[in-house]
Amino acid sequence: YSIGCMMYETLSGQVPFLASDQMLMKLHVEMEPTPIPVLRKDLKEFPKRLLAIVDKCLLKDPTKRYQYVRDLQSDIE
């Protein structure tokens, strides 16, 4: 999940959620971040595959995220 947050910030220019400490945890658990293309309208198009990778990293259900770094690496390559 944390890798997904870093990728999200790198691509969008902002963190997935911005709030006070207590509210921040709640947002990470319950809400979906704003889609990157909405935040970066200055770019024509993000590769859909890259967006899918970030989305998978940020899934709320840990069992649906990448279980091994090699799987993430494989998708990135």
PDB file of N, CA and C in Angstrom:
ATOM      1  N   TYR A   1       0.825  -1.185   0.000  1.00  0.00           N
ATOM      2  CA  TYR A   1       0.000   0.000   0.000  1.00  0.00           C
ATOM      3  C   TYR A   1       0.872   1.252   0.000  1.00  0.00           C
ATOM      4  N   SER A   2       1.927   1.232   0.797  1.00  0.00           N
ATOM      5  CA  SER A   2       2.788   2.416   0.885  1.00  0.00           C
ATOM      6  C   SER A   2       3.489   2.696  -0.437  1.00  0.00           C
ATOM      7  N   ILE A   3       3.855   1.663  -1.165  1.00  0.00           N
ATOM      8  CA  ILE A   3       4.446   1.868  -2.495  1.00  0.00           C
ATOM      9  C   ILE A   3       3.422   2.537  -3.414  1.00  0.00           C
ATOM     10  N   GLY A   4       2.187   2.124  -3.322  1.00  0.00           N
ATOM     11  CA  GLY A   4       1.121   2.746  -4.106  1.00  0.00           C
ATOM     12  C   GLY A   4       0.960   4.217  -3.761  1.00  0.00           C
ATOM     13  N   CYS A   5       1.070   4.554  -2.472  1.00  0.00           N
ATOM     14  CA  CYS A   5       0.975   5.963  -2.052  1.00  0.00           C
ATOM     15  C   CYS A   5       2.127   6.770  -2.627  1.00  0.00           C
ATOM     16  N   MET A   6       3.322   6.210  -2.625  1.00  0.00           N
ATOM     17  CA  MET A   6       4.474   6.919  -3.187  1.00  0.00           C
ATOM     18  C   MET A   6       4.331   7.090  -4.697  1.00  0.00           C
ATOM     19  N   MET A   7       3.866   6.051  -5.370  1.00  0.00           N
ATOM     20  CA  MET A   7       3.658   6.143  -6.815  1.00  0.00           C
ATOM     21  C   MET A   7       2.586   7.187  -7.129  1.00  0.00           C
ATOM     22  N   TYR A   8       1.518   7.178  -6.359  1.00  0.00           N
ATOM     23  CA  TYR A   8       0.425   8.139  -6.542  1.00  0.00           C
ATOM     24  C   TYR A   8       0.961   9.563  -6.411  1.00  0.00           C
ATOM     25  N   GLU A   9       1.744   9.816  -5.352  1.00  0.00           N
ATOM     26  CA  GLU A   9       2.285  11.154  -5.136  1.00  0.00           C
ATOM     27  C   GLU A   9       3.253  11.553  -6.239  1.00  0.00           C
ATOM     28  N   THR A  10       4.073  10.627  -6.687  1.00  0.00           N
ATOM     29  CA  THR A  10       5.026  10.912  -7.756  1.00  0.00           C
ATOM     30  C   THR A  10       4.308  11.288  -9.047  1.00  0.00           C
ATOM     31  N   LEU A  11       3.260  10.569  -9.365  1.00  0.00           N
ATOM     32  CA  LEU A  11       2.546  10.804 -10.624  1.00  0.00           C
ATOM     33  C   LEU A  11       1.580  11.978 -10.569  1.00  0.00           C
ATOM     34  N   SER A  12       0.976  12.202  -9.401  1.00  0.00           N
ATOM     35  CA  SER A  12      -0.054  13.244  -9.311  1.00  0.00           C
ATOM     36  C   SER A  12       0.456  14.567  -8.759  1.00  0.00           C
ATOM     37  N   GLY A  13       1.558  14.498  -8.016  1.00  0.00           N
ATOM     38  CA  GLY A  13       2.079  15.704  -7.395  1.00  0.00           C
ATOM     39  C   GLY A  13       1.493  15.985  -6.027  1.00  0.00           C
ATOM     40  N   GLN A  14       0.651  15.096  -5.540  1.00  0.00           N
ATOM     41  CA  GLN A  14       0.110  15.256  -4.181  1.00  0.00           C
ATOM     42  C   GLN A  14      -0.153  13.894  -3.554  1.00  0.00           C
ATOM     43  N   VAL A  15      -0.235  13.899  -2.229  1.00  0.00           N
ATOM     44  CA  VAL A  15      -0.498  12.651  -1.507  1.00  0.00           C
ATOM     45  C   VAL A  15      -1.946  12.226  -1.743  1.00  0.00           C
ATOM     46  N   PRO A  16      -2.250  10.934  -1.571  1.00  0.00           N
ATOM     47  CA  PRO A  16      -3.620  10.472  -1.815  1.00  0.00           C
ATOM     48  C   PRO A  16      -4.662  11.170  -0.949  1.00  0.00           C
ATOM     49  N   PHE A  17      -4.305  11.463   0.311  1.00  0.00           N
ATOM     50  CA  PHE A  17      -5.236  12.104   1.235  1.00  0.00           C
ATOM     51  C   PHE A  17      -4.473  13.114   2.087  1.00  0.00           C
ATOM     52  N   LEU A  18      -5.123  14.217   2.382  1.00  0.00           N
ATOM     53  CA  LEU A  18      -4.519  15.243   3.224  1.00  0.00           C
ATOM     54  C   LEU A  18      -5.538  15.618   4.291  1.00  0.00           C
ATOM     55  N   ALA A  19      -5.188  15.347   5.551  1.00  0.00           N
ATOM     56  CA  ALA A  19      -6.109  15.621   6.660  1.00  0.00           C
ATOM     57  C   ALA A  19      -5.340  15.533   7.968  1.00  0.00           C
ATOM     58  N   SER A  20      -6.021  15.834   9.062  1.00  0.00           N
ATOM     59  CA  SER A  20      -5.418  15.677  10.387  1.00  0.00           C
ATOM     60  C   SER A  20      -5.146  14.198  10.624  1.00  0.00           C
ATOM     61  N   ASP A  21      -4.298  13.884  11.590  1.00  0.00           N
ATOM     62  CA  ASP A  21      -3.890  12.502  11.835  1.00  0.00           C
ATOM     63  C   ASP A  21      -5.055  11.536  11.973  1.00  0.00           C
ATOM     64  N   GLN A  22      -6.036  11.876  12.809  1.00  0.00           N
ATOM     65  CA  GLN A  22      -7.168  10.983  13.036  1.00  0.00           C
ATOM     66  C   GLN A  22      -7.990  10.803  11.763  1.00  0.00           C
ATOM     67  N   MET A  23      -8.279  11.871  11.089  1.00  0.00           N
ATOM     68  CA  MET A  23      -9.073  11.810   9.871  1.00  0.00           C
ATOM     69  C   MET A  23      -8.293  11.137   8.748  1.00  0.00           C
ATOM     70  N   LEU A  24      -6.981  11.328   8.729  1.00  0.00           N
ATOM     71  CA  LEU A  24      -6.146  10.748   7.668  1.00  0.00           C
ATOM     72  C   LEU A  24      -6.260   9.231   7.647  1.00  0.00           C
ATOM     73  N   MET A  25      -6.192   8.614   8.805  1.00  0.00           N
ATOM     74  CA  MET A  25      -6.311   7.157   8.881  1.00  0.00           C
ATOM     75  C   MET A  25      -7.672   6.711   8.359  1.00  0.00           C
ATOM     76  N   LYS A  26      -8.710   7.403   8.731  1.00  0.00           N
ATOM     77  CA  LYS A  26     -10.064   7.067   8.294  1.00  0.00           C
ATOM     78  C   LYS A  26     -10.173   7.171   6.764  1.00  0.00           C
ATOM     79  N   LEU A  27      -9.591   8.197   6.197  1.00  0.00           N
ATOM     80  CA  LEU A  27      -9.633   8.361   4.743  1.00  0.00           C
ATOM     81  C   LEU A  27      -8.912   7.215   4.033  1.00  0.00           C
ATOM     82  N   HIS A  28      -7.745   6.837   4.542  1.00  0.00           N
ATOM     83  CA  HIS A  28      -6.995   5.737   3.928  1.00  0.00           C
ATOM     84  C   HIS A  28      -7.783   4.428   3.987  1.00  0.00           C
ATOM     85  N   VAL A  29      -8.548   4.233   5.043  1.00  0.00           N
ATOM     86  CA  VAL A  29      -9.299   2.988   5.219  1.00  0.00           C
ATOM     87  C   VAL A  29     -10.599   2.982   4.422  1.00  0.00           C
ATOM     88  N   GLU A  30     -11.261   4.133   4.319  1.00  0.00           N
ATOM     89  CA  GLU A  30     -12.624   4.152   3.784  1.00  0.00           C
ATOM     90  C   GLU A  30     -12.803   4.803   2.414  1.00  0.00           C
ATOM     91  N   MET A  31     -11.919   5.696   2.023  1.00  0.00           N
ATOM     92  CA  MET A  31     -12.143   6.473   0.800  1.00  0.00           C
ATOM     93  C   MET A  31     -11.174   6.075  -0.316  1.00  0.00           C
ATOM     94  N   GLU A  32     -11.581   6.381  -1.527  1.00  0.00           N
ATOM     95  CA  GLU A  32     -10.709   6.205  -2.690  1.00  0.00           C
ATOM     96  C   GLU A  32     -10.074   7.554  -3.011  1.00  0.00           C
ATOM     97  N   PRO A  33      -8.789   7.573  -3.363  1.00  0.00           N
ATOM     98  CA  PRO A  33      -8.177   8.851  -3.713  1.00  0.00           C
ATOM     99  C   PRO A  33      -8.723   9.378  -5.046  1.00  0.00           C
ATOM    100  N   THR A  34      -8.588  10.660  -5.240  1.00  0.00           N
ATOM    101  CA  THR A  34      -8.993  11.268  -6.507  1.00  0.00           C
ATOM    102  C   THR A  34      -8.176  10.632  -7.631  1.00  0.00           C
ATOM    103  N   PRO A  35      -8.817  10.233  -8.715  1.00  0.00           N
ATOM    104  CA  PRO A  35      -8.062   9.623  -9.826  1.00  0.00           C
ATOM    105  C   PRO A  35      -6.961  10.562 -10.331  1.00  0.00           C
ATOM    106  N   ILE A  36      -5.814  10.005 -10.615  1.00  0.00           N
ATOM    107  CA  ILE A  36      -4.663  10.792 -11.058  1.00  0.00           C
ATOM    108  C   ILE A  36      -4.983  11.646 -12.284  1.00  0.00           C
ATOM    109  N   PRO A  37      -5.670  11.122 -13.306  1.00  0.00           N
ATOM    110  CA  PRO A  37      -5.959  11.979 -14.469  1.00  0.00           C
ATOM    111  C   PRO A  37      -6.802  13.212 -14.140  1.00  0.00           C
ATOM    112  N   VAL A  38      -7.596  13.144 -13.084  1.00  0.00           N
ATOM    113  CA  VAL A  38      -8.392  14.300 -12.657  1.00  0.00           C
ATOM    114  C   VAL A  38      -7.463  15.381 -12.098  1.00  0.00           C
ATOM    115  N   LEU A  39      -6.422  14.946 -11.389  1.00  0.00           N
ATOM    116  CA  LEU A  39      -5.480  15.888 -10.787  1.00  0.00           C
ATOM    117  C   LEU A  39      -4.484  16.439 -11.798  1.00  0.00           C
ATOM    118  N   ARG A  40      -4.181  15.669 -12.812  1.00  0.00           N
ATOM    119  CA  ARG A  40      -3.159  16.062 -13.790  1.00  0.00           C
ATOM    120  C   ARG A  40      -3.770  16.273 -15.167  1.00  0.00           C
ATOM    121  N   LYS A  41      -4.694  17.185 -15.240  1.00  0.00           N
ATOM    122  CA  LYS A  41      -5.347  17.491 -16.515  1.00  0.00           C
ATOM    123  C   LYS A  41      -4.384  18.136 -17.501  1.00  0.00           C
ATOM    124  N   ASP A  42      -3.212  18.581 -16.993  1.00  0.00           N
ATOM    125  CA  ASP A  42      -2.219  19.183 -17.860  1.00  0.00           C
ATOM    126  C   ASP A  42      -1.528  18.149 -18.747  1.00  0.00           C
ATOM    127  N   LEU A  43      -1.631  16.887 -18.395  1.00  0.00           N
ATOM    128  CA  LEU A  43      -1.045  15.818 -19.206  1.00  0.00           C
ATOM    129  C   LEU A  43      -2.128  15.205 -20.070  1.00  0.00           C
ATOM    130  N   LYS A  44      -1.800  14.940 -21.303  1.00  0.00           N
ATOM    131  CA  LYS A  44      -2.811  14.416 -22.229  1.00  0.00           C
ATOM    132  C   LYS A  44      -3.374  13.084 -21.760  1.00  0.00           C
ATOM    133  N   GLU A  45      -2.488  12.150 -21.440  1.00  0.00           N
ATOM    134  CA  GLU A  45      -2.982  10.828 -21.044  1.00  0.00           C
ATOM    135  C   GLU A  45      -1.894  10.058 -20.313  1.00  0.00           C
ATOM    136  N   PHE A  46      -2.286   9.427 -19.228  1.00  0.00           N
ATOM    137  CA  PHE A  46      -1.402   8.509 -18.525  1.00  0.00           C
ATOM    138  C   PHE A  46      -1.581   7.130 -19.140  1.00  0.00           C
ATOM    139  N   PRO A  47      -0.525   6.342 -19.192  1.00  0.00           N
ATOM    140  CA  PRO A  47      -0.689   4.955 -19.646  1.00  0.00           C
ATOM    141  C   PRO A  47      -1.682   4.229 -18.732  1.00  0.00           C
ATOM    142  N   LYS A  48      -2.696   3.650 -19.325  1.00  0.00           N
ATOM    143  CA  LYS A  48      -3.733   2.967 -18.540  1.00  0.00           C
ATOM    144  C   LYS A  48      -3.140   1.848 -17.685  1.00  0.00           C
ATOM    145  N   ARG A  49      -2.135   1.185 -18.208  1.00  0.00           N
ATOM    146  CA  ARG A  49      -1.511   0.084 -17.461  1.00  0.00           C
ATOM    147  C   ARG A  49      -0.851   0.609 -16.180  1.00  0.00           C
ATOM    148  N   LEU A  50      -0.212   1.766 -16.270  1.00  0.00           N
ATOM    149  CA  LEU A  50       0.428   2.351 -15.099  1.00  0.00           C
ATOM    150  C   LEU A  50      -0.615   2.756 -14.058  1.00  0.00           C
ATOM    151  N   LEU A  51      -1.699   3.332 -14.502  1.00  0.00           N
ATOM    152  CA  LEU A  51      -2.778   3.685 -13.576  1.00  0.00           C
ATOM    153  C   LEU A  51      -3.357   2.453 -12.906  1.00  0.00           C
ATOM    154  N   ALA A  52      -3.488   1.358 -13.650  1.00  0.00           N
ATOM    155  CA  ALA A  52      -4.009   0.111 -13.085  1.00  0.00           C
ATOM    156  C   ALA A  52      -3.064  -0.443 -12.019  1.00  0.00           C
ATOM    157  N   ILE A  53      -1.768  -0.296 -12.228  1.00  0.00           N
ATOM    158  CA  ILE A  53      -0.781  -0.760 -11.244  1.00  0.00           C
ATOM    159  C   ILE A  53      -0.918   0.040  -9.950  1.00  0.00           C
ATOM    160  N   VAL A  54      -1.002   1.355 -10.066  1.00  0.00           N
ATOM    161  CA  VAL A  54      -1.157   2.198  -8.879  1.00  0.00           C
ATOM    162  C   VAL A  54      -2.466   1.870  -8.173  1.00  0.00           C
ATOM    163  N   ASP A  55      -3.534   1.723  -8.933  1.00  0.00           N
ATOM    164  CA  ASP A  55      -4.833   1.378  -8.340  1.00  0.00           C
ATOM    165  C   ASP A  55      -4.765   0.059  -7.581  1.00  0.00           C
ATOM    166  N   LYS A  56      -4.086  -0.931  -8.150  1.00  0.00           N
ATOM    167  CA  LYS A  56      -3.974  -2.228  -7.479  1.00  0.00           C
ATOM    168  C   LYS A  56      -3.183  -2.095  -6.182  1.00  0.00           C
ATOM    169  N   CYS A  57      -2.149  -1.281  -6.187  1.00  0.00           N
ATOM    170  CA  CYS A  57      -1.363  -1.058  -4.971  1.00  0.00           C
ATOM    171  C   CYS A  57      -2.195  -0.402  -3.877  1.00  0.00           C
ATOM    172  N   LEU A  58      -3.176   0.394  -4.267  1.00  0.00           N
ATOM    173  CA  LEU A  58      -3.974   1.153  -3.303  1.00  0.00           C
ATOM    174  C   LEU A  58      -5.303   0.489  -2.929  1.00  0.00           C
ATOM    175  N   LEU A  59      -5.510  -0.744  -3.359  1.00  0.00           N
ATOM    176  CA  LEU A  59      -6.750  -1.430  -3.005  1.00  0.00           C
ATOM    177  C   LEU A  59      -6.886  -1.545  -1.493  1.00  0.00           C
ATOM    178  N   LYS A  60      -8.084  -1.382  -1.009  1.00  0.00           N
ATOM    179  CA  LYS A  60      -8.338  -1.440   0.431  1.00  0.00           C
ATOM    180  C   LYS A  60      -8.145  -2.850   0.988  1.00  0.00           C
ATOM    181  N   ASP A  61      -8.490  -3.848   0.215  1.00  0.00           N
ATOM    182  CA  ASP A  61      -8.348  -5.245   0.642  1.00  0.00           C
ATOM    183  C   ASP A  61      -6.909  -5.699   0.386  1.00  0.00           C
ATOM    184  N   PRO A  62      -6.138  -5.934   1.434  1.00  0.00           N
ATOM    185  CA  PRO A  62      -4.736  -6.313   1.262  1.00  0.00           C
ATOM    186  C   PRO A  62      -4.534  -7.590   0.440  1.00  0.00           C
ATOM    187  N   THR A  63      -5.496  -8.475   0.454  1.00  0.00           N
ATOM    188  CA  THR A  63      -5.336  -9.730  -0.291  1.00  0.00           C
ATOM    189  C   THR A  63      -5.441  -9.513  -1.800  1.00  0.00           C
ATOM    190  N   LYS A  64      -5.957  -8.363  -2.211  1.00  0.00           N
ATOM    191  CA  LYS A  64      -6.092  -8.065  -3.640  1.00  0.00           C
ATOM    192  C   LYS A  64      -4.934  -7.234  -4.182  1.00  0.00           C
ATOM    193  N   ARG A  65      -4.081  -6.739  -3.273  1.00  0.00           N
ATOM    194  CA  ARG A  65      -2.890  -5.992  -3.682  1.00  0.00           C
ATOM    195  C   ARG A  65      -1.795  -6.968  -4.104  1.00  0.00           C
ATOM    196  N   TYR A  66      -0.713  -6.420  -4.619  1.00  0.00           N
ATOM    197  CA  TYR A  66       0.448  -7.252  -4.948  1.00  0.00           C
ATOM    198  C   TYR A  66       0.941  -7.917  -3.673  1.00  0.00           C
ATOM    199  N   GLN A  67       1.165  -9.220  -3.753  1.00  0.00           N
ATOM    200  CA  GLN A  67       1.642  -9.960  -2.592  1.00  0.00           C
ATOM    201  C   GLN A  67       3.166 -10.060  -2.580  1.00  0.00           C
ATOM    202  N   TYR A  68       3.762  -9.880  -3.744  1.00  0.00           N
ATOM    203  CA  TYR A  68       5.213  -9.979  -3.879  1.00  0.00           C
ATOM    204  C   TYR A  68       5.720  -8.842  -4.758  1.00  0.00           C
ATOM    205  N   VAL A  69       6.855  -8.277  -4.363  1.00  0.00           N
ATOM    206  CA  VAL A  69       7.446  -7.185  -5.135  1.00  0.00           C
ATOM    207  C   VAL A  69       7.753  -7.645  -6.557  1.00  0.00           C
ATOM    208  N   ARG A  70       8.129  -8.883  -6.727  1.00  0.00           N
ATOM    209  CA  ARG A  70       8.451  -9.379  -8.075  1.00  0.00           C
ATOM    210  C   ARG A  70       7.240  -9.304  -8.999  1.00  0.00           C
ATOM    211  N   ASP A  71       6.043  -9.474  -8.461  1.00  0.00           N
ATOM    212  CA  ASP A  71       4.834  -9.360  -9.278  1.00  0.00           C
ATOM    213  C   ASP A  71       4.602  -7.912  -9.704  1.00  0.00           C
ATOM    214  N   LEU A  72       4.821  -6.998  -8.797  1.00  0.00           N
ATOM    215  CA  LEU A  72       4.732  -5.571  -9.122  1.00  0.00           C
ATOM    216  C   LEU A  72       5.779  -5.214 -10.157  1.00  0.00           C
ATOM    217  N   GLN A  73       6.995  -5.674  -9.943  1.00  0.00           N
ATOM    218  CA  GLN A  73       8.086  -5.408 -10.884  1.00  0.00           C
ATOM    219  C   GLN A  73       7.762  -5.956 -12.267  1.00  0.00           C
ATOM    220  N   SER A  74       7.212  -7.141 -12.318  1.00  0.00           N
ATOM    221  CA  SER A  74       6.857  -7.759 -13.584  1.00  0.00           C
ATOM    222  C   SER A  74       5.820  -6.915 -14.328  1.00  0.00           C
ATOM    223  N   ASP A  75       4.811  -6.433 -13.614  1.00  0.00           N
ATOM    224  CA  ASP A  75       3.783  -5.593 -14.248  1.00  0.00           C
ATOM    225  C   ASP A  75       4.369  -4.257 -14.719  1.00  0.00           C
ATOM    226  N   ILE A  76       5.282  -3.699 -13.951  1.00  0.00           N
ATOM    227  CA  ILE A  76       5.905  -2.435 -14.347  1.00  0.00           C
ATOM    228  C   ILE A  76       6.742  -2.603 -15.604  1.00  0.00           C
ATOM    229  N   GLU A  77       7.466  -3.705 -15.672  1.00  0.00           N
ATOM    230  CA  GLU A  77       8.309  -3.959 -16.861  1.00  0.00           C
ATOM    231  C   GLU A  77       7.446  -4.189 -18.078  1.00  0.00           C
TER     232      GLU A  77
END
